Amino acid sequence: MIFILGFLIIAICLGLAGFFSGCEMGFISINKIRLRHLVEKKYPRAVIVYELLKDTTQLLACLIVGINVAIITASCVNTSLAHFNRMNIFWAELILTFILLLFGEIIPKTLFRHHPTKLILSLIYFLRPSFFLLSPVVNLITKVTDPIIGHGKIKETKSPFVTKEELRLLISEAEEAGS
């Protein structure tokens, strides 16, 4: 029974690690022009995503905390199962590391890199509650790191929504797609 429960917890942690890891890539890769268009059309999911993107420090901190909590929990449970069943802990952790890299990082990030807007918009209602649950930890980490990294002291420069180079690239890609 403990063995089954342990594997269930590891599977849930694996899913959460993949979810948060994929969302991290999705938020970085999301098509901001399409998102802005959906916000102007008052698409509720797009409005939520747009609001979350206003504070990227909190957003990324929450995603990173989620990834790490899932990975650490899976590792602790895996170690306990290996110890309880008199297995070699080194090999158990090595196997878990491979599985986490594959299903918790590489595959989710690849999927979210190729379909960021679609996936982020479809999963935003699952992501928002996790922000609420993780916010105490994220706020604590932010309070500790702000004095170290000087949050708010780095002067942001205003840049155009789309640079000339990006506009040229958009036009060339549109021409290629049309031909």
C-alpha atoms as a PDB file:
ATOM      1  CA  MET A   1       0.000   0.000   0.000  1.00  0.00           C
ATOM      2  CA  ILE A   2       2.808   2.417   0.879  1.00  0.00           C
ATOM      3  CA  PHE A   3       4.551   1.527  -2.370  1.00  0.00           C
ATOM      4  CA  ILE A   4       1.442   2.381  -4.446  1.00  0.00           C
ATOM      5  CA  LEU A   5       0.864   5.612  -2.513  1.00  0.00           C
ATOM      6  CA  GLY A   6       4.507   6.575  -3.025  1.00  0.00           C
ATOM      7  CA  PHE A   7       4.316   5.995  -6.762  1.00  0.00           C
ATOM      8  CA  LEU A   8       1.074   7.976  -6.919  1.00  0.00           C
ATOM      9  CA  ILE A   9       2.701  10.936  -5.143  1.00  0.00           C
ATOM     10  CA  ILE A  10       5.719  10.740  -7.471  1.00  0.00           C
ATOM     11  CA  ALA A  11       3.410  10.657 -10.521  1.00  0.00           C
ATOM     12  CA  ILE A  12       1.491  13.712  -9.272  1.00  0.00           C
ATOM     13  CA  CYS A  13       4.765  15.542  -8.604  1.00  0.00           C
ATOM     14  CA  LEU A  14       5.997  14.596 -12.066  1.00  0.00           C
ATOM     15  CA  GLY A  15       2.814  16.024 -13.586  1.00  0.00           C
ATOM     16  CA  LEU A  16       3.129  19.224 -11.547  1.00  0.00           C
ATOM     17  CA  ALA A  17       6.793  19.656 -12.472  1.00  0.00           C
ATOM     18  CA  GLY A  18       5.904  19.250 -16.143  1.00  0.00           C
ATOM     19  CA  PHE A  19       2.965  21.624 -15.809  1.00  0.00           C
ATOM     20  CA  PHE A  20       4.974  24.410 -14.146  1.00  0.00           C
ATOM     21  CA  SER A  21       7.993  23.858 -16.386  1.00  0.00           C
ATOM     22  CA  GLY A  22       5.861  23.975 -19.519  1.00  0.00           C
ATOM     23  CA  CYS A  23       4.052  27.086 -18.309  1.00  0.00           C
ATOM     24  CA  GLU A  24       7.407  28.769 -17.712  1.00  0.00           C
ATOM     25  CA  MET A  25       8.347  28.185 -21.354  1.00  0.00           C
ATOM     26  CA  GLY A  26       4.834  29.082 -22.501  1.00  0.00           C
ATOM     27  CA  PHE A  27       4.854  32.475 -20.793  1.00  0.00           C
ATOM     28  CA  ILE A  28       8.273  33.245 -22.244  1.00  0.00           C
ATOM     29  CA  SER A  29       7.242  32.150 -25.752  1.00  0.00           C
ATOM     30  CA  ILE A  30       3.676  33.463 -25.871  1.00  0.00           C
ATOM     31  CA  ASN A  31       2.729  35.535 -28.895  1.00  0.00           C
ATOM     32  CA  LYS A  32       2.278  38.970 -27.319  1.00  0.00           C
ATOM     33  CA  ILE A  33       0.650  40.459 -30.424  1.00  0.00           C
ATOM     34  CA  ARG A  34      -1.995  37.729 -30.521  1.00  0.00           C
ATOM     35  CA  LEU A  35      -2.467  38.007 -26.748  1.00  0.00           C
ATOM     36  CA  ARG A  36      -3.017  41.760 -26.969  1.00  0.00           C
ATOM     37  CA  HIS A  37      -5.545  41.206 -29.760  1.00  0.00           C
ATOM     38  CA  LEU A  38      -7.451  38.691 -27.593  1.00  0.00           C
ATOM     39  CA  VAL A  39      -7.370  41.112 -24.642  1.00  0.00           C
ATOM     40  CA  GLU A  40      -8.863  43.841 -26.835  1.00  0.00           C
ATOM     41  CA  LYS A  41     -11.647  41.385 -27.751  1.00  0.00           C
ATOM     42  CA  LYS A  42     -12.229  40.887 -23.976  1.00  0.00           C
ATOM     43  CA  TYR A  43     -11.365  37.179 -24.035  1.00  0.00           C
ATOM     44  CA  PRO A  44     -11.378  36.352 -20.266  1.00  0.00           C
ATOM     45  CA  ARG A  45      -8.484  33.894 -20.308  1.00  0.00           C
ATOM     46  CA  ALA A  46      -6.317  36.309 -22.285  1.00  0.00           C
ATOM     47  CA  VAL A  47      -7.058  39.094 -19.795  1.00  0.00           C
ATOM     48  CA  ILE A  48      -5.860  36.875 -16.927  1.00  0.00           C
ATOM     49  CA  VAL A  49      -2.668  35.946 -18.799  1.00  0.00           C
ATOM     50  CA  TYR A  50      -2.050  39.591 -19.685  1.00  0.00           C
ATOM     51  CA  GLU A  51      -2.428  40.600 -16.027  1.00  0.00           C
ATOM     52  CA  LEU A  52      -0.019  37.889 -14.907  1.00  0.00           C
ATOM     53  CA  LEU A  53       2.555  39.025 -17.460  1.00  0.00           C
ATOM     54  CA  LYS A  54       2.548  42.524 -15.942  1.00  0.00           C
ATOM     55  CA  ASP A  55       4.596  41.229 -12.994  1.00  0.00           C
ATOM     56  CA  THR A  56       7.043  38.779 -14.506  1.00  0.00           C
ATOM     57  CA  THR A  57       9.109  38.610 -11.307  1.00  0.00           C
ATOM     58  CA  GLN A  58       6.183  37.177  -9.325  1.00  0.00           C
ATOM     59  CA  LEU A  59       5.104  35.024 -12.255  1.00  0.00           C
ATOM     60  CA  LEU A  60       8.489  33.378 -12.779  1.00  0.00           C
ATOM     61  CA  ALA A  61       9.093  33.062  -9.037  1.00  0.00           C
ATOM     62  CA  CYS A  62       5.802  31.208  -8.641  1.00  0.00           C
ATOM     63  CA  LEU A  63       6.570  28.864 -11.530  1.00  0.00           C
ATOM     64  CA  ILE A  64      10.091  28.161 -10.249  1.00  0.00           C
ATOM     65  CA  VAL A  65       8.821  27.510  -6.711  1.00  0.00           C
ATOM     66  CA  GLY A  66       6.202  25.136  -8.131  1.00  0.00           C
ATOM     67  CA  ILE A  67       8.812  23.251 -10.153  1.00  0.00           C
ATOM     68  CA  ASN A  68      11.173  22.936  -7.198  1.00  0.00           C
ATOM     69  CA  VAL A  69       8.515  21.886  -4.684  1.00  0.00           C
ATOM     70  CA  ALA A  70       7.351  19.159  -7.077  1.00  0.00           C
ATOM     71  CA  ILE A  71      10.877  17.898  -7.787  1.00  0.00           C
ATOM     72  CA  ILE A  72      11.995  17.939  -4.146  1.00  0.00           C
ATOM     73  CA  THR A  73       8.830  16.170  -3.003  1.00  0.00           C
ATOM     74  CA  ALA A  74       9.223  13.494  -5.693  1.00  0.00           C
ATOM     75  CA  SER A  75      12.855  12.994  -4.722  1.00  0.00           C
ATOM     76  CA  CYS A  76      12.054  12.702  -1.000  1.00  0.00           C
ATOM     77  CA  VAL A  77       9.301  10.158  -1.626  1.00  0.00           C
ATOM     78  CA  ASN A  78      11.520   8.250  -4.059  1.00  0.00           C
ATOM     79  CA  THR A  79      14.353   8.095  -1.509  1.00  0.00           C
ATOM     80  CA  SER A  80      11.954   6.917   1.195  1.00  0.00           C
ATOM     81  CA  LEU A  81      10.543   4.198  -1.066  1.00  0.00           C
ATOM     82  CA  ALA A  82      14.020   3.026  -2.013  1.00  0.00           C
ATOM     83  CA  HIS A  83      15.141   2.951   1.623  1.00  0.00           C
ATOM     84  CA  PHE A  84      11.914   1.249   2.780  1.00  0.00           C
ATOM     85  CA  ASN A  85      12.277  -1.452   0.114  1.00  0.00           C
ATOM     86  CA  ARG A  86      16.032  -1.860   0.679  1.00  0.00           C
ATOM     87  CA  MET A  87      16.844  -0.688  -2.835  1.00  0.00           C
ATOM     88  CA  ASN A  88      19.954   1.190  -3.912  1.00  0.00           C
ATOM     89  CA  ILE A  89      19.110   4.868  -3.404  1.00  0.00           C
ATOM     90  CA  PHE A  90      21.657   5.996  -6.000  1.00  0.00           C
ATOM     91  CA  TRP A  91      19.987   4.013  -8.792  1.00  0.00           C
ATOM     92  CA  ALA A  92      16.494   4.997  -7.663  1.00  0.00           C
ATOM     93  CA  GLU A  93      17.450   8.692  -7.795  1.00  0.00           C
ATOM     94  CA  LEU A  94      19.261   8.283 -11.110  1.00  0.00           C
ATOM     95  CA  ILE A  95      16.162   6.735 -12.678  1.00  0.00           C
ATOM     96  CA  LEU A  96      13.927   9.436 -11.186  1.00  0.00           C
ATOM     97  CA  THR A  97      16.278  12.140 -12.501  1.00  0.00           C
ATOM     98  CA  PHE A  98      16.043  10.715 -16.017  1.00  0.00           C
ATOM     99  CA  ILE A  99      12.234  10.498 -15.808  1.00  0.00           C
ATOM    100  CA  LEU A 100      11.952  14.044 -14.395  1.00  0.00           C
ATOM    101  CA  LEU A 101      14.211  15.461 -17.090  1.00  0.00           C
ATOM    102  CA  LEU A 102      12.232  13.765 -19.810  1.00  0.00           C
ATOM    103  CA  PHE A 103       8.643  14.195 -18.590  1.00  0.00           C
ATOM    104  CA  GLY A 104       9.086  17.130 -16.208  1.00  0.00           C
ATOM    105  CA  GLU A 105      11.277  19.357 -18.355  1.00  0.00           C
ATOM    106  CA  ILE A 106      12.088  18.411 -21.957  1.00  0.00           C
ATOM    107  CA  ILE A 107       8.704  17.216 -23.250  1.00  0.00           C
ATOM    108  CA  PRO A 108       6.577  19.914 -21.533  1.00  0.00           C
ATOM    109  CA  LYS A 109       8.929  22.722 -22.568  1.00  0.00           C
ATOM    110  CA  THR A 110       8.982  21.474 -26.140  1.00  0.00           C
ATOM    111  CA  LEU A 111       5.179  21.288 -26.287  1.00  0.00           C
ATOM    112  CA  PHE A 112       4.732  24.734 -24.744  1.00  0.00           C
ATOM    113  CA  ARG A 113       7.429  26.201 -26.998  1.00  0.00           C
ATOM    114  CA  HIS A 114       5.531  25.072 -30.090  1.00  0.00           C
ATOM    115  CA  HIS A 115       2.013  25.970 -28.854  1.00  0.00           C
ATOM    116  CA  PRO A 116       2.481  28.623 -26.139  1.00  0.00           C
ATOM    117  CA  THR A 117      -0.619  30.757 -26.614  1.00  0.00           C
ATOM    118  CA  LYS A 118      -3.008  27.834 -27.043  1.00  0.00           C
ATOM    119  CA  LEU A 119      -1.667  25.895 -24.048  1.00  0.00           C
ATOM    120  CA  ILE A 120      -1.304  28.843 -21.664  1.00  0.00           C
ATOM    121  CA  LEU A 121      -4.819  30.080 -22.440  1.00  0.00           C
ATOM    122  CA  SER A 122      -6.292  26.597 -22.018  1.00  0.00           C
ATOM    123  CA  LEU A 123      -4.510  25.939 -18.695  1.00  0.00           C
ATOM    124  CA  ILE A 124      -4.722  29.371 -17.068  1.00  0.00           C
ATOM    125  CA  TYR A 125      -7.627  28.376 -14.800  1.00  0.00           C
ATOM    126  CA  PHE A 126      -5.443  25.580 -13.363  1.00  0.00           C
ATOM    127  CA  LEU A 127      -2.462  27.883 -12.982  1.00  0.00           C
ATOM    128  CA  ARG A 128      -4.200  30.728 -11.166  1.00  0.00           C
ATOM    129  CA  PRO A 129      -5.077  28.712  -8.009  1.00  0.00           C
ATOM    130  CA  SER A 130      -1.478  27.552  -7.754  1.00  0.00           C
ATOM    131  CA  PHE A 131      -0.392  31.203  -7.669  1.00  0.00           C
ATOM    132  CA  PHE A 132      -2.694  31.709  -4.719  1.00  0.00           C
ATOM    133  CA  LEU A 133      -1.390  28.596  -2.925  1.00  0.00           C
ATOM    134  CA  LEU A 134       2.269  29.385  -3.558  1.00  0.00           C
ATOM    135  CA  SER A 135       2.037  33.139  -2.936  1.00  0.00           C
ATOM    136  CA  PRO A 136       3.184  33.013   0.740  1.00  0.00           C
ATOM    137  CA  VAL A 137       6.389  31.207  -0.251  1.00  0.00           C
ATOM    138  CA  VAL A 138       6.885  33.410  -3.317  1.00  0.00           C
ATOM    139  CA  ASN A 139       6.368  36.593  -1.259  1.00  0.00           C
ATOM    140  CA  LEU A 140       8.891  35.413   1.328  1.00  0.00           C
ATOM    141  CA  ILE A 141      11.457  34.592  -1.357  1.00  0.00           C
ATOM    142  CA  THR A 142      10.838  37.937  -3.060  1.00  0.00           C
ATOM    143  CA  LYS A 143      11.366  39.807   0.226  1.00  0.00           C
ATOM    144  CA  VAL A 144      14.657  37.989   0.756  1.00  0.00           C
ATOM    145  CA  THR A 145      15.949  38.390  -2.805  1.00  0.00           C
ATOM    146  CA  ASP A 146      14.830  41.984  -3.493  1.00  0.00           C
ATOM    147  CA  PRO A 147      17.562  43.568  -1.349  1.00  0.00           C
ATOM    148  CA  ILE A 148      20.148  41.263  -2.901  1.00  0.00           C
ATOM    149  CA  ILE A 149      19.260  41.791  -6.563  1.00  0.00           C
ATOM    150  CA  GLY A 150      18.035  45.373  -6.163  1.00  0.00           C
ATOM    151  CA  HIS A 151      14.494  44.894  -7.453  1.00  0.00           C
ATOM    152  CA  GLY A 152      13.192  48.169  -8.803  1.00  0.00           C
ATOM    153  CA  LYS A 153      16.657  49.754  -8.913  1.00  0.00           C
ATOM    154  CA  ILE A 154      17.354  48.651 -12.445  1.00  0.00           C
ATOM    155  CA  LYS A 155      16.169  51.385 -14.739  1.00  0.00           C
ATOM    156  CA  GLU A 156      13.897  50.038 -17.406  1.00  0.00           C
ATOM    157  CA  THR A 157      14.060  51.723 -20.751  1.00  0.00           C
ATOM    158  CA  LYS A 158      10.927  52.168 -22.755  1.00  0.00           C
ATOM    159  CA  SER A 159      11.134  50.363 -26.033  1.00  0.00           C
ATOM    160  CA  PRO A 160       8.699  50.279 -28.903  1.00  0.00           C
ATOM    161  CA  PHE A 161       6.167  47.464 -28.959  1.00  0.00           C
ATOM    162  CA  VAL A 162       7.844  46.116 -32.100  1.00  0.00           C
ATOM    163  CA  THR A 163      11.305  47.157 -33.280  1.00  0.00           C
ATOM    164  CA  LYS A 164      12.132  47.834 -36.917  1.00  0.00           C
ATOM    165  CA  GLU A 165      13.986  44.529 -37.148  1.00  0.00           C
ATOM    166  CA  GLU A 166      11.046  42.606 -35.676  1.00  0.00           C
ATOM    167  CA  LEU A 167       8.658  44.368 -38.062  1.00  0.00           C
ATOM    168  CA  ARG A 168      10.862  43.422 -41.030  1.00  0.00           C
ATOM    169  CA  LEU A 169      10.958  39.836 -39.771  1.00  0.00           C
ATOM    170  CA  LEU A 170       7.146  39.763 -39.418  1.00  0.00           C
ATOM    171  CA  ILE A 171       6.730  41.081 -42.948  1.00  0.00           C
ATOM    172  CA  SER A 172       9.207  38.583 -44.410  1.00  0.00           C
ATOM    173  CA  GLU A 173       7.544  35.697 -42.552  1.00  0.00           C
ATOM    174  CA  ALA A 174       4.118  36.836 -43.789  1.00  0.00           C
ATOM    175  CA  GLU A 175       5.435  36.996 -47.359  1.00  0.00           C
ATOM    176  CA  GLU A 176       6.924  33.504 -47.062  1.00  0.00           C
ATOM    177  CA  ALA A 177       3.698  32.098 -45.602  1.00  0.00           C
ATOM    178  CA  GLY A 178       1.647  33.704 -48.366  1.00  0.00           C
ATOM    179  CA  SER A 179       3.752  32.290 -51.171  1.00  0.00           C
END
